[in-house]
């Protein structure tokens, strides 16, 4: 995790005519953990967007991680509803996380309100081919896992864990693993969108596997 990760969130970033930045930051369960609220600002209106739990790491024993949760399906702004999923807002936040997390750092993204990803996983589609998994793969996260706890409790809601790997050997290993998963994937109805994801990932792997 880059050293100025939290400061960058405090500064925020603009997307078209609105701004996203961190609001209240509080201490977590231990000194390296921070709880953060991400704020959506449009004109003079400020709305709580989502939450992040950030672990800054404890070298040499534990690498940093970020969990993103309490993500809304829609945001109400000035009487209008804005979709979060598949929006420029979602893409910008995931891009920010990709740019500021380093190989070995973990990213957990909750999909409780992500109806498309939730449905795809429930139908047996492998994580990398889901709506969320495909976005994460395209941001360089080649290690993906679905975490689903029926009761939740301290583990929180269902989430996808994503990691980048830090050597050409590990990259090859993960790309090979994804390739094998996809070619052995059997699904009754592969629609155009799913076929598009499959083709793009396989093209990427064929081009980048060494």
N, C-alpha and C. Protein backbone atom coordinates (compact mmCIF):
# COMPACT_ATOMS: atom_id res chain seq x y z
N UNK A 1 0.85 -1.19 0.00
CA UNK A 1 0.00 0.00 0.00
C UNK A 1 0.88 1.24 0.00
N UNK A 2 0.59 2.18 -0.86
CA UNK A 2 1.38 3.39 -0.93
C UNK A 2 1.21 4.22 0.34
N UNK A 3 2.30 4.87 0.77
CA UNK A 3 2.31 5.56 2.07
C UNK A 3 1.28 6.67 2.18
N UNK A 4 0.97 7.32 1.05
CA UNK A 4 0.04 8.45 1.09
C UNK A 4 -1.39 8.03 0.76
N UNK A 5 -1.70 6.74 0.91
CA UNK A 5 -3.01 6.20 0.56
C UNK A 5 -4.15 6.98 1.24
N UNK A 6 -4.08 7.11 2.56
CA UNK A 6 -5.17 7.78 3.29
C UNK A 6 -5.20 9.27 2.98
N UNK A 7 -4.04 9.89 2.85
CA UNK A 7 -4.00 11.32 2.51
C UNK A 7 -4.64 11.59 1.15
N UNK A 8 -4.42 10.69 0.21
CA UNK A 8 -5.04 10.84 -1.12
C UNK A 8 -6.56 10.76 -1.02
N UNK A 9 -7.05 9.87 -0.14
CA UNK A 9 -8.50 9.77 0.06
C UNK A 9 -9.04 11.03 0.72
N UNK A 10 -8.27 11.62 1.60
CA UNK A 10 -8.69 12.88 2.24
C UNK A 10 -8.79 14.00 1.20
N UNK A 11 -7.81 14.04 0.30
CA UNK A 11 -7.82 15.07 -0.75
C UNK A 11 -8.98 14.84 -1.71
N UNK A 12 -9.27 13.57 -1.98
CA UNK A 12 -10.38 13.23 -2.85
C UNK A 12 -10.06 13.36 -4.33
N UNK A 13 -11.06 13.08 -5.15
CA UNK A 13 -10.89 13.20 -6.59
C UNK A 13 -12.25 13.53 -7.22
N UNK A 14 -12.18 14.19 -8.38
CA UNK A 14 -13.40 14.62 -9.06
C UNK A 14 -13.75 13.68 -10.19
N UNK A 15 -15.05 13.49 -10.37
CA UNK A 15 -15.58 12.73 -11.50
C UNK A 15 -16.69 13.60 -12.09
N UNK A 16 -16.42 14.15 -13.28
CA UNK A 16 -17.37 15.07 -13.91
C UNK A 16 -17.67 16.22 -12.95
N UNK A 17 -18.93 16.38 -12.54
CA UNK A 17 -19.27 17.55 -11.72
C UNK A 17 -19.51 17.19 -10.25
N UNK A 18 -18.97 16.07 -9.80
CA UNK A 18 -19.07 15.75 -8.38
C UNK A 18 -17.72 15.28 -7.85
N UNK A 19 -17.63 15.18 -6.53
CA UNK A 19 -16.37 14.89 -5.87
C UNK A 19 -16.54 13.73 -4.90
N UNK A 20 -15.50 12.94 -4.77
CA UNK A 20 -15.49 11.84 -3.80
C UNK A 20 -14.26 12.01 -2.92
N UNK A 21 -14.47 11.93 -1.62
CA UNK A 21 -13.36 12.05 -0.67
C UNK A 21 -13.75 11.37 0.63
N UNK A 22 -12.75 11.18 1.49
CA UNK A 22 -13.04 10.55 2.77
C UNK A 22 -13.67 11.55 3.73
N UNK A 23 -14.53 11.04 4.57
CA UNK A 23 -15.10 11.85 5.64
C UNK A 23 -14.43 11.47 6.94
N UNK A 24 -15.22 11.06 7.89
CA UNK A 24 -14.70 10.71 9.20
C UNK A 24 -13.77 9.49 9.14
N UNK A 25 -12.62 9.59 9.82
CA UNK A 25 -11.69 8.48 9.93
C UNK A 25 -11.53 8.16 11.41
N UNK A 26 -11.71 6.91 11.77
CA UNK A 26 -11.59 6.51 13.18
C UNK A 26 -10.67 5.31 13.31
N UNK A 27 -10.20 5.07 14.51
CA UNK A 27 -9.32 3.94 14.77
C UNK A 27 -10.13 2.65 14.80
N UNK A 28 -9.50 1.57 14.36
CA UNK A 28 -10.15 0.27 14.35
C UNK A 28 -9.84 -0.55 15.58
N UNK A 29 -9.83 -1.86 15.41
CA UNK A 29 -9.65 -2.78 16.53
C UNK A 29 -8.21 -2.81 17.02
N UNK A 30 -7.26 -2.44 16.18
CA UNK A 30 -5.87 -2.39 16.56
C UNK A 30 -5.22 -1.20 15.87
N UNK A 31 -4.01 -0.85 16.26
CA UNK A 31 -3.44 0.44 15.87
C UNK A 31 -3.27 0.61 14.36
N UNK A 32 -3.08 -0.50 13.64
CA UNK A 32 -2.86 -0.38 12.19
C UNK A 32 -4.17 -0.30 11.40
N UNK A 33 -5.29 -0.45 12.07
CA UNK A 33 -6.58 -0.48 11.36
C UNK A 33 -7.31 0.85 11.47
N UNK A 34 -7.84 1.31 10.33
CA UNK A 34 -8.60 2.56 10.28
C UNK A 34 -9.97 2.30 9.66
N UNK A 35 -10.97 2.98 10.17
CA UNK A 35 -12.32 2.94 9.60
C UNK A 35 -12.59 4.26 8.91
N UNK A 36 -13.09 4.19 7.71
CA UNK A 36 -13.22 5.40 6.89
C UNK A 36 -14.56 5.42 6.18
N UNK A 37 -15.15 6.60 6.14
CA UNK A 37 -16.40 6.81 5.42
C UNK A 37 -16.09 7.61 4.16
N UNK A 38 -16.53 7.10 3.02
CA UNK A 38 -16.32 7.81 1.76
C UNK A 38 -17.55 8.66 1.46
N UNK A 39 -17.30 9.93 1.14
CA UNK A 39 -18.36 10.93 0.94
C UNK A 39 -18.51 11.27 -0.54
N UNK A 40 -19.75 11.34 -0.97
CA UNK A 40 -20.10 11.78 -2.32
C UNK A 40 -20.58 13.23 -2.20
N UNK A 41 -19.94 14.15 -2.91
CA UNK A 41 -20.30 15.57 -2.82
C UNK A 41 -20.74 16.09 -4.18
N UNK A 42 -21.95 16.66 -4.21
CA UNK A 42 -22.48 17.25 -5.44
C UNK A 42 -23.07 18.61 -5.09
N UNK A 43 -22.54 19.68 -5.72
CA UNK A 43 -22.89 21.04 -5.33
C UNK A 43 -22.64 21.20 -3.83
N UNK A 44 -23.68 21.51 -3.05
CA UNK A 44 -23.49 21.68 -1.60
C UNK A 44 -23.96 20.47 -0.81
N UNK A 45 -24.41 19.45 -1.53
CA UNK A 45 -24.93 18.26 -0.87
C UNK A 45 -23.84 17.22 -0.67
N UNK A 46 -23.75 16.71 0.55
CA UNK A 46 -22.79 15.65 0.87
C UNK A 46 -23.53 14.42 1.36
N UNK A 47 -23.20 13.27 0.77
CA UNK A 47 -23.91 12.03 1.07
C UNK A 47 -22.90 10.94 1.42
N UNK A 48 -23.20 10.16 2.43
CA UNK A 48 -22.36 9.01 2.76
C UNK A 48 -22.47 7.99 1.64
N UNK A 49 -21.34 7.64 1.04
CA UNK A 49 -21.36 6.76 -0.12
C UNK A 49 -21.12 5.30 0.27
N UNK A 50 -20.00 5.02 0.91
CA UNK A 50 -19.67 3.66 1.32
C UNK A 50 -18.63 3.71 2.44
N UNK A 51 -18.31 2.55 2.97
CA UNK A 51 -17.33 2.47 4.07
C UNK A 51 -16.12 1.67 3.62
N UNK A 52 -14.99 2.01 4.24
CA UNK A 52 -13.76 1.25 4.03
C UNK A 52 -13.13 0.93 5.38
N UNK A 53 -12.62 -0.26 5.47
CA UNK A 53 -11.80 -0.66 6.61
C UNK A 53 -10.41 -0.88 6.05
N UNK A 54 -9.43 -0.15 6.58
CA UNK A 54 -8.08 -0.16 6.03
C UNK A 54 -7.09 -0.68 7.07
N UNK A 55 -6.35 -1.70 6.69
CA UNK A 55 -5.29 -2.22 7.54
C UNK A 55 -3.96 -1.82 6.91
N UNK A 56 -3.16 -1.04 7.63
CA UNK A 56 -1.95 -0.46 7.06
C UNK A 56 -0.78 -1.43 7.00
N UNK A 57 -0.95 -2.61 7.55
CA UNK A 57 0.12 -3.61 7.51
C UNK A 57 0.94 -3.63 8.79
N UNK A 58 1.59 -4.78 9.01
CA UNK A 58 2.46 -4.93 10.17
C UNK A 58 3.69 -5.72 9.72
N UNK A 59 4.66 -5.02 9.06
CA UNK A 59 5.83 -5.71 8.52
C UNK A 59 6.64 -6.37 9.64
N UNK A 60 7.25 -7.51 9.39
CA UNK A 60 7.22 -8.28 8.13
C UNK A 60 6.13 -9.36 8.15
N UNK A 61 5.22 -9.27 9.10
CA UNK A 61 4.28 -10.37 9.32
C UNK A 61 3.00 -10.27 8.49
N UNK A 62 2.42 -9.07 8.40
CA UNK A 62 1.12 -8.95 7.74
C UNK A 62 1.13 -7.83 6.71
N UNK A 63 0.63 -8.15 5.52
CA UNK A 63 0.54 -7.17 4.44
C UNK A 63 -0.73 -6.33 4.62
N UNK A 64 -0.77 -5.13 4.03
CA UNK A 64 -1.98 -4.29 4.12
C UNK A 64 -3.18 -4.92 3.40
N UNK A 65 -4.35 -4.48 3.80
CA UNK A 65 -5.57 -4.86 3.09
C UNK A 65 -6.61 -3.76 3.22
N UNK A 66 -7.55 -3.76 2.30
CA UNK A 66 -8.66 -2.80 2.30
C UNK A 66 -9.96 -3.56 2.07
N UNK A 67 -10.95 -3.27 2.89
CA UNK A 67 -12.28 -3.84 2.67
C UNK A 67 -13.25 -2.71 2.34
N UNK A 68 -14.02 -2.89 1.29
CA UNK A 68 -15.01 -1.89 0.85
C UNK A 68 -16.39 -2.51 1.06
N UNK A 69 -17.24 -1.83 1.83
CA UNK A 69 -18.54 -2.43 2.15
C UNK A 69 -19.61 -1.35 2.36
N UNK A 70 -20.82 -1.82 2.64
CA UNK A 70 -21.99 -0.92 2.73
C UNK A 70 -22.12 -0.07 1.47
N UNK A 71 -21.98 -0.74 0.33
CA UNK A 71 -22.04 -0.05 -0.97
C UNK A 71 -23.50 0.00 -1.43
N UNK A 72 -24.01 1.17 -1.77
CA UNK A 72 -25.41 1.26 -2.20
C UNK A 72 -25.59 0.85 -3.65
N UNK A 73 -26.80 0.43 -3.97
CA UNK A 73 -27.14 0.16 -5.37
C UNK A 73 -27.38 1.47 -6.11
N UNK A 74 -28.08 2.38 -5.43
CA UNK A 74 -28.39 3.69 -6.00
C UNK A 74 -28.14 4.77 -4.96
N UNK A 75 -27.83 5.98 -5.43
CA UNK A 75 -27.59 7.12 -4.55
C UNK A 75 -28.61 8.20 -4.89
N UNK A 76 -29.27 8.71 -3.87
CA UNK A 76 -30.26 9.76 -4.10
C UNK A 76 -29.60 11.13 -3.96
N UNK A 77 -29.62 11.90 -5.05
CA UNK A 77 -29.01 13.22 -5.06
C UNK A 77 -30.00 14.21 -5.65
N UNK A 78 -30.36 15.20 -4.86
CA UNK A 78 -31.29 16.26 -5.29
C UNK A 78 -32.54 15.66 -5.92
N UNK A 79 -33.06 14.63 -5.27
CA UNK A 79 -34.32 14.03 -5.70
C UNK A 79 -34.20 13.02 -6.83
N UNK A 80 -32.97 12.84 -7.34
CA UNK A 80 -32.76 11.88 -8.43
C UNK A 80 -31.91 10.72 -7.93
N UNK A 81 -32.11 9.55 -8.55
CA UNK A 81 -31.34 8.37 -8.17
C UNK A 81 -30.25 8.11 -9.20
N UNK A 82 -29.03 7.93 -8.70
CA UNK A 82 -27.88 7.64 -9.57
C UNK A 82 -27.43 6.21 -9.29
N UNK A 83 -27.26 5.42 -10.34
CA UNK A 83 -26.76 4.06 -10.19
C UNK A 83 -25.29 4.09 -9.77
N UNK A 84 -24.91 3.22 -8.85
CA UNK A 84 -23.50 3.11 -8.46
C UNK A 84 -22.78 2.08 -9.32
N UNK A 85 -23.37 0.90 -9.45
CA UNK A 85 -22.70 -0.18 -10.17
C UNK A 85 -22.66 0.10 -11.67
N UNK A 86 -21.51 -0.23 -12.25
CA UNK A 86 -21.23 0.02 -13.67
C UNK A 86 -21.25 1.51 -14.00
N UNK A 87 -20.97 2.33 -13.00
CA UNK A 87 -20.91 3.78 -13.21
C UNK A 87 -19.46 4.24 -13.26
N UNK A 88 -19.24 5.48 -13.70
CA UNK A 88 -17.90 6.06 -13.68
C UNK A 88 -17.40 6.19 -12.25
N UNK A 89 -18.33 6.37 -11.33
CA UNK A 89 -18.00 6.49 -9.92
C UNK A 89 -17.37 5.19 -9.40
N UNK A 90 -18.03 4.07 -9.66
CA UNK A 90 -17.49 2.78 -9.24
C UNK A 90 -16.13 2.53 -9.89
N UNK A 91 -16.04 2.78 -11.19
CA UNK A 91 -14.79 2.54 -11.91
C UNK A 91 -13.65 3.37 -11.34
N UNK A 92 -13.92 4.64 -11.02
CA UNK A 92 -12.88 5.53 -10.49
C UNK A 92 -12.40 5.05 -9.13
N UNK A 93 -13.31 4.60 -8.28
CA UNK A 93 -12.92 4.12 -6.95
C UNK A 93 -12.07 2.86 -7.07
N UNK A 94 -12.47 1.92 -7.93
CA UNK A 94 -11.70 0.70 -8.11
C UNK A 94 -10.34 0.99 -8.76
N UNK A 95 -10.30 1.94 -9.68
CA UNK A 95 -9.03 2.34 -10.29
C UNK A 95 -8.10 2.95 -9.24
N UNK A 96 -8.65 3.78 -8.36
CA UNK A 96 -7.86 4.38 -7.29
C UNK A 96 -7.25 3.30 -6.41
N UNK A 97 -8.06 2.31 -6.04
CA UNK A 97 -7.58 1.23 -5.20
C UNK A 97 -6.50 0.42 -5.92
N UNK A 98 -6.70 0.15 -7.19
CA UNK A 98 -5.71 -0.59 -7.97
C UNK A 98 -4.38 0.16 -8.03
N UNK A 99 -4.44 1.46 -8.21
CA UNK A 99 -3.23 2.28 -8.33
C UNK A 99 -2.47 2.39 -7.01
N UNK A 100 -3.17 2.25 -5.90
CA UNK A 100 -2.54 2.50 -4.59
C UNK A 100 -2.32 1.27 -3.74
N UNK A 101 -2.76 0.11 -4.23
CA UNK A 101 -2.44 -1.15 -3.56
C UNK A 101 -1.30 -1.82 -4.31
N UNK A 102 -0.41 -2.43 -3.57
CA UNK A 102 0.77 -3.04 -4.17
C UNK A 102 0.64 -4.56 -4.18
N UNK A 103 1.47 -5.24 -4.97
CA UNK A 103 1.38 -6.71 -5.02
C UNK A 103 1.43 -7.33 -3.62
N UNK A 104 0.52 -8.26 -3.39
CA UNK A 104 0.44 -8.91 -2.08
C UNK A 104 -0.58 -8.28 -1.15
N UNK A 105 -0.93 -7.00 -1.39
CA UNK A 105 -1.99 -6.36 -0.61
C UNK A 105 -3.33 -6.98 -1.01
N UNK A 106 -4.23 -7.06 -0.07
CA UNK A 106 -5.54 -7.67 -0.34
C UNK A 106 -6.63 -6.60 -0.45
N UNK A 107 -7.54 -6.83 -1.37
CA UNK A 107 -8.71 -5.98 -1.54
C UNK A 107 -9.95 -6.85 -1.42
N UNK A 108 -10.87 -6.46 -0.54
CA UNK A 108 -12.13 -7.16 -0.37
C UNK A 108 -13.25 -6.21 -0.77
N UNK A 109 -14.07 -6.62 -1.74
CA UNK A 109 -15.18 -5.78 -2.20
C UNK A 109 -16.49 -6.52 -1.95
N UNK A 110 -17.31 -5.97 -1.09
CA UNK A 110 -18.61 -6.59 -0.78
C UNK A 110 -19.55 -6.46 -1.97
N UNK A 111 -20.35 -7.51 -2.21
CA UNK A 111 -21.28 -7.46 -3.35
C UNK A 111 -22.73 -7.68 -2.91
N UNK A 112 -23.04 -7.41 -1.66
CA UNK A 112 -24.39 -7.61 -1.14
C UNK A 112 -25.45 -6.94 -2.00
N UNK A 113 -25.20 -5.69 -2.41
CA UNK A 113 -26.18 -4.93 -3.20
C UNK A 113 -25.87 -4.92 -4.70
N UNK A 114 -24.83 -5.64 -5.08
CA UNK A 114 -24.45 -5.74 -6.48
C UNK A 114 -25.26 -6.90 -7.08
N UNK A 115 -26.47 -6.61 -7.52
CA UNK A 115 -27.41 -7.65 -7.92
C UNK A 115 -26.88 -8.54 -9.04
N UNK A 116 -26.16 -7.94 -9.97
CA UNK A 116 -25.66 -8.71 -11.11
C UNK A 116 -24.60 -9.72 -10.67
N UNK A 117 -23.61 -9.25 -9.90
CA UNK A 117 -22.56 -10.15 -9.41
C UNK A 117 -23.14 -11.22 -8.50
N UNK A 118 -24.05 -10.81 -7.62
CA UNK A 118 -24.68 -11.75 -6.69
C UNK A 118 -25.41 -12.86 -7.46
N UNK A 119 -26.16 -12.47 -8.48
CA UNK A 119 -26.91 -13.46 -9.27
C UNK A 119 -25.97 -14.37 -10.04
N UNK A 120 -24.93 -13.79 -10.64
CA UNK A 120 -24.00 -14.59 -11.44
C UNK A 120 -23.29 -15.63 -10.58
N UNK A 121 -22.85 -15.24 -9.40
CA UNK A 121 -22.19 -16.19 -8.50
C UNK A 121 -23.15 -17.28 -8.05
N UNK A 122 -24.41 -16.89 -7.79
CA UNK A 122 -25.40 -17.87 -7.34
C UNK A 122 -25.73 -18.88 -8.43
N UNK A 123 -25.50 -18.51 -9.69
CA UNK A 123 -25.76 -19.40 -10.82
C UNK A 123 -24.54 -20.27 -11.16
N UNK A 124 -23.46 -20.07 -10.41
CA UNK A 124 -22.29 -20.91 -10.61
C UNK A 124 -21.23 -20.33 -11.53
N UNK A 125 -21.36 -19.06 -11.89
CA UNK A 125 -20.34 -18.42 -12.72
C UNK A 125 -19.10 -18.16 -11.87
N UNK A 126 -17.94 -18.50 -12.38
CA UNK A 126 -16.71 -18.36 -11.60
C UNK A 126 -16.40 -16.87 -11.38
N UNK A 127 -15.76 -16.52 -10.24
CA UNK A 127 -15.57 -15.10 -9.87
C UNK A 127 -15.01 -14.20 -10.96
N UNK A 128 -13.98 -14.67 -11.70
CA UNK A 128 -13.34 -13.81 -12.69
C UNK A 128 -14.27 -13.45 -13.85
N UNK A 129 -15.32 -14.24 -14.07
CA UNK A 129 -16.25 -13.98 -15.17
C UNK A 129 -17.49 -13.20 -14.73
N UNK A 130 -17.58 -12.88 -13.44
CA UNK A 130 -18.71 -12.07 -12.98
C UNK A 130 -18.48 -10.61 -13.34
N UNK A 131 -19.53 -9.82 -13.20
CA UNK A 131 -19.42 -8.38 -13.49
C UNK A 131 -18.27 -7.75 -12.69
N UNK A 132 -18.25 -7.97 -11.38
CA UNK A 132 -17.22 -7.37 -10.52
C UNK A 132 -15.86 -8.01 -10.76
N UNK A 133 -15.81 -9.33 -10.84
CA UNK A 133 -14.54 -10.00 -11.05
C UNK A 133 -13.85 -9.60 -12.35
N UNK A 134 -14.65 -9.41 -13.40
CA UNK A 134 -14.11 -9.00 -14.69
C UNK A 134 -13.48 -7.61 -14.60
N UNK A 135 -14.14 -6.70 -13.87
CA UNK A 135 -13.59 -5.35 -13.68
C UNK A 135 -12.27 -5.41 -12.92
N UNK A 136 -12.22 -6.24 -11.89
CA UNK A 136 -11.01 -6.36 -11.08
C UNK A 136 -9.87 -6.99 -11.89
N UNK A 137 -10.19 -8.00 -12.69
CA UNK A 137 -9.17 -8.62 -13.55
C UNK A 137 -8.56 -7.58 -14.48
N UNK A 138 -9.39 -6.74 -15.08
CA UNK A 138 -8.91 -5.71 -16.00
C UNK A 138 -8.10 -4.62 -15.32
N UNK A 139 -8.13 -4.59 -13.99
CA UNK A 139 -7.32 -3.64 -13.23
C UNK A 139 -6.05 -4.31 -12.70
N UNK A 140 -5.80 -5.54 -13.13
CA UNK A 140 -4.55 -6.21 -12.78
C UNK A 140 -4.62 -7.14 -11.59
N UNK A 141 -5.84 -7.40 -11.09
CA UNK A 141 -5.99 -8.34 -9.98
C UNK A 141 -6.21 -9.74 -10.56
N UNK A 142 -5.18 -10.58 -10.47
CA UNK A 142 -5.23 -11.90 -11.10
C UNK A 142 -5.53 -13.02 -10.11
N UNK A 143 -5.61 -12.70 -8.84
CA UNK A 143 -5.97 -13.70 -7.82
C UNK A 143 -7.32 -13.29 -7.25
N UNK A 144 -8.34 -14.09 -7.51
CA UNK A 144 -9.70 -13.74 -7.10
C UNK A 144 -10.35 -14.90 -6.36
N UNK A 145 -11.06 -14.55 -5.32
CA UNK A 145 -11.77 -15.59 -4.55
C UNK A 145 -13.07 -15.03 -4.02
N UNK A 146 -14.10 -15.86 -4.06
CA UNK A 146 -15.41 -15.49 -3.52
C UNK A 146 -15.49 -15.92 -2.06
N UNK A 147 -15.78 -14.95 -1.18
CA UNK A 147 -15.99 -15.26 0.24
C UNK A 147 -17.47 -15.07 0.55
N UNK A 148 -18.10 -16.17 0.91
CA UNK A 148 -19.52 -16.08 1.25
C UNK A 148 -19.78 -16.82 2.55
N UNK A 149 -20.22 -16.07 3.55
CA UNK A 149 -20.57 -16.66 4.85
C UNK A 149 -22.07 -16.52 5.04
N UNK A 150 -22.82 -17.62 5.09
CA UNK A 150 -24.28 -17.54 5.21
C UNK A 150 -24.76 -16.70 6.39
N UNK A 151 -24.02 -16.74 7.49
CA UNK A 151 -24.46 -16.01 8.68
C UNK A 151 -23.77 -14.66 8.85
N UNK A 152 -22.67 -14.45 8.12
CA UNK A 152 -21.99 -13.15 8.18
C UNK A 152 -21.21 -12.96 9.46
N UNK A 153 -21.89 -12.47 10.50
CA UNK A 153 -21.27 -12.15 11.79
C UNK A 153 -20.09 -11.21 11.57
N UNK A 154 -18.95 -11.49 12.20
CA UNK A 154 -17.81 -10.57 12.12
C UNK A 154 -17.18 -10.53 10.74
N UNK A 155 -17.45 -11.57 9.92
CA UNK A 155 -16.85 -11.59 8.58
C UNK A 155 -17.53 -10.62 7.63
N UNK A 156 -18.68 -10.09 8.02
CA UNK A 156 -19.39 -9.15 7.16
C UNK A 156 -20.16 -9.85 6.06
N UNK A 157 -20.53 -9.08 5.03
CA UNK A 157 -21.32 -9.61 3.93
C UNK A 157 -20.46 -10.37 2.93
N UNK A 158 -21.09 -10.97 1.91
CA UNK A 158 -20.33 -11.69 0.88
C UNK A 158 -19.44 -10.73 0.11
N UNK A 159 -18.25 -11.20 -0.22
CA UNK A 159 -17.28 -10.30 -0.85
C UNK A 159 -16.35 -11.07 -1.78
N UNK A 160 -15.79 -10.36 -2.73
CA UNK A 160 -14.74 -10.92 -3.57
C UNK A 160 -13.40 -10.39 -3.08
N UNK A 161 -12.47 -11.31 -2.85
CA UNK A 161 -11.11 -10.93 -2.49
C UNK A 161 -10.28 -10.88 -3.76
N UNK A 162 -9.50 -9.82 -3.90
CA UNK A 162 -8.67 -9.65 -5.09
C UNK A 162 -7.25 -9.27 -4.68
N UNK A 163 -6.28 -9.83 -5.38
CA UNK A 163 -4.88 -9.51 -5.11
C UNK A 163 -4.11 -9.41 -6.41
N UNK A 164 -3.09 -8.56 -6.40
CA UNK A 164 -2.11 -8.55 -7.48
C UNK A 164 -0.94 -9.43 -7.04
N UNK A 165 -0.26 -10.02 -8.00
CA UNK A 165 0.90 -10.84 -7.66
C UNK A 165 2.17 -10.12 -8.09
N UNK A 166 3.30 -10.47 -7.45
CA UNK A 166 4.48 -9.60 -7.57
C UNK A 166 5.67 -10.17 -8.33
N UNK A 167 5.48 -11.23 -9.10
CA UNK A 167 6.59 -11.74 -9.91
C UNK A 167 6.03 -12.36 -11.18
N UNK A 168 6.89 -12.43 -12.20
CA UNK A 168 6.44 -13.01 -13.46
C UNK A 168 6.04 -14.47 -13.29
N UNK A 169 6.72 -15.16 -12.37
CA UNK A 169 6.38 -16.56 -12.10
C UNK A 169 4.98 -16.69 -11.53
N UNK A 170 4.66 -15.83 -10.56
CA UNK A 170 3.34 -15.85 -9.93
C UNK A 170 2.27 -15.39 -10.91
N UNK A 171 2.58 -14.39 -11.72
CA UNK A 171 1.62 -13.92 -12.73
C UNK A 171 1.28 -15.06 -13.69
N UNK A 172 2.31 -15.75 -14.17
CA UNK A 172 2.09 -16.90 -15.06
C UNK A 172 1.24 -17.97 -14.38
N UNK A 173 1.55 -18.22 -13.12
CA UNK A 173 0.81 -19.24 -12.37
C UNK A 173 -0.67 -18.89 -12.28
N UNK A 174 -0.97 -17.62 -11.95
CA UNK A 174 -2.36 -17.20 -11.79
C UNK A 174 -3.08 -17.14 -13.13
N UNK A 175 -2.40 -16.65 -14.17
CA UNK A 175 -3.03 -16.60 -15.49
C UNK A 175 -3.32 -18.01 -16.00
N UNK A 176 -2.41 -18.93 -15.74
CA UNK A 176 -2.64 -20.33 -16.10
C UNK A 176 -3.84 -20.90 -15.36
N UNK A 177 -3.94 -20.55 -14.09
CA UNK A 177 -5.05 -21.04 -13.27
C UNK A 177 -6.38 -20.50 -13.79
N UNK A 178 -6.41 -19.20 -14.13
CA UNK A 178 -7.63 -18.59 -14.68
C UNK A 178 -7.98 -19.22 -16.02
N UNK A 179 -6.95 -19.44 -16.86
CA UNK A 179 -7.18 -20.06 -18.17
C UNK A 179 -7.83 -21.44 -18.01
N UNK A 180 -7.28 -22.24 -17.11
CA UNK A 180 -7.82 -23.59 -16.89
C UNK A 180 -9.24 -23.54 -16.34
N UNK A 181 -9.49 -22.57 -15.46
CA UNK A 181 -10.85 -22.41 -14.92
C UNK A 181 -11.85 -22.11 -16.03
N UNK A 182 -11.45 -21.20 -16.93
CA UNK A 182 -12.36 -20.77 -17.99
C UNK A 182 -12.61 -21.89 -19.01
N UNK A 183 -11.55 -22.56 -19.44
CA UNK A 183 -11.74 -23.59 -20.48
C UNK A 183 -12.52 -24.79 -19.94
N UNK A 184 -12.49 -24.99 -18.62
CA UNK A 184 -13.25 -26.10 -18.04
C UNK A 184 -14.62 -25.66 -17.52
N UNK A 185 -14.91 -24.36 -17.68
CA UNK A 185 -16.17 -23.80 -17.19
C UNK A 185 -17.32 -24.25 -18.08
N UNK A 186 -18.31 -24.84 -17.47
CA UNK A 186 -19.49 -25.30 -18.21
C UNK A 186 -20.72 -24.60 -17.67
N UNK A 187 -21.42 -23.93 -18.58
CA UNK A 187 -22.60 -23.16 -18.18
C UNK A 187 -23.66 -23.33 -19.26
N UNK A 188 -24.86 -23.55 -18.83
CA UNK A 188 -25.93 -23.88 -19.78
C UNK A 188 -26.19 -22.79 -20.81
N UNK A 189 -26.26 -21.55 -20.33
CA UNK A 189 -26.59 -20.45 -21.23
C UNK A 189 -25.52 -19.37 -21.14
N UNK A 190 -24.62 -19.32 -22.12
CA UNK A 190 -23.60 -18.28 -22.16
C UNK A 190 -24.12 -17.15 -23.05
N UNK A 191 -24.52 -16.05 -22.42
CA UNK A 191 -25.06 -14.93 -23.19
C UNK A 191 -23.93 -14.11 -23.81
N UNK A 192 -24.29 -13.08 -24.56
CA UNK A 192 -23.30 -12.29 -25.28
C UNK A 192 -22.32 -11.60 -24.33
N UNK A 193 -22.84 -11.10 -23.21
CA UNK A 193 -21.96 -10.40 -22.27
C UNK A 193 -20.94 -11.35 -21.65
N UNK A 194 -21.40 -12.53 -21.26
CA UNK A 194 -20.50 -13.52 -20.68
C UNK A 194 -19.48 -14.00 -21.71
N UNK A 195 -19.92 -14.20 -22.94
CA UNK A 195 -19.02 -14.61 -24.01
C UNK A 195 -17.96 -13.54 -24.27
N UNK A 196 -18.38 -12.28 -24.20
CA UNK A 196 -17.45 -11.15 -24.38
C UNK A 196 -16.36 -11.17 -23.31
N UNK A 197 -16.75 -11.40 -22.05
CA UNK A 197 -15.77 -11.46 -20.96
C UNK A 197 -14.80 -12.61 -21.16
N UNK A 198 -15.33 -13.77 -21.53
CA UNK A 198 -14.49 -14.95 -21.76
C UNK A 198 -13.46 -14.67 -22.85
N UNK A 199 -13.92 -14.12 -23.97
CA UNK A 199 -13.02 -13.87 -25.10
C UNK A 199 -11.93 -12.87 -24.75
N UNK A 200 -12.28 -11.80 -24.04
CA UNK A 200 -11.29 -10.78 -23.70
C UNK A 200 -10.25 -11.31 -22.72
N UNK A 201 -10.69 -12.09 -21.73
CA UNK A 201 -9.74 -12.62 -20.76
C UNK A 201 -8.81 -13.63 -21.43
N UNK A 202 -9.35 -14.50 -22.26
CA UNK A 202 -8.50 -15.48 -22.95
C UNK A 202 -7.52 -14.81 -23.90
N UNK A 203 -7.94 -13.74 -24.57
CA UNK A 203 -7.03 -13.00 -25.45
C UNK A 203 -5.91 -12.37 -24.63
N UNK A 204 -6.26 -11.81 -23.48
CA UNK A 204 -5.25 -11.19 -22.62
C UNK A 204 -4.24 -12.23 -22.16
N UNK A 205 -4.74 -13.39 -21.73
CA UNK A 205 -3.86 -14.45 -21.23
C UNK A 205 -2.93 -14.96 -22.34
N UNK A 206 -3.48 -15.18 -23.52
CA UNK A 206 -2.67 -15.67 -24.64
C UNK A 206 -1.56 -14.66 -25.00
N UNK A 207 -1.85 -13.40 -24.85
CA UNK A 207 -0.87 -12.35 -25.18
C UNK A 207 0.18 -12.18 -24.10
N UNK A 208 -0.19 -12.40 -22.84
CA UNK A 208 0.71 -12.07 -21.73
C UNK A 208 1.32 -13.26 -21.00
N UNK A 209 0.91 -14.45 -21.35
CA UNK A 209 1.48 -15.64 -20.70
C UNK A 209 2.87 -15.93 -21.29
N UNK A 210 3.83 -16.11 -20.41
CA UNK A 210 5.21 -16.34 -20.88
C UNK A 210 5.69 -17.72 -20.43
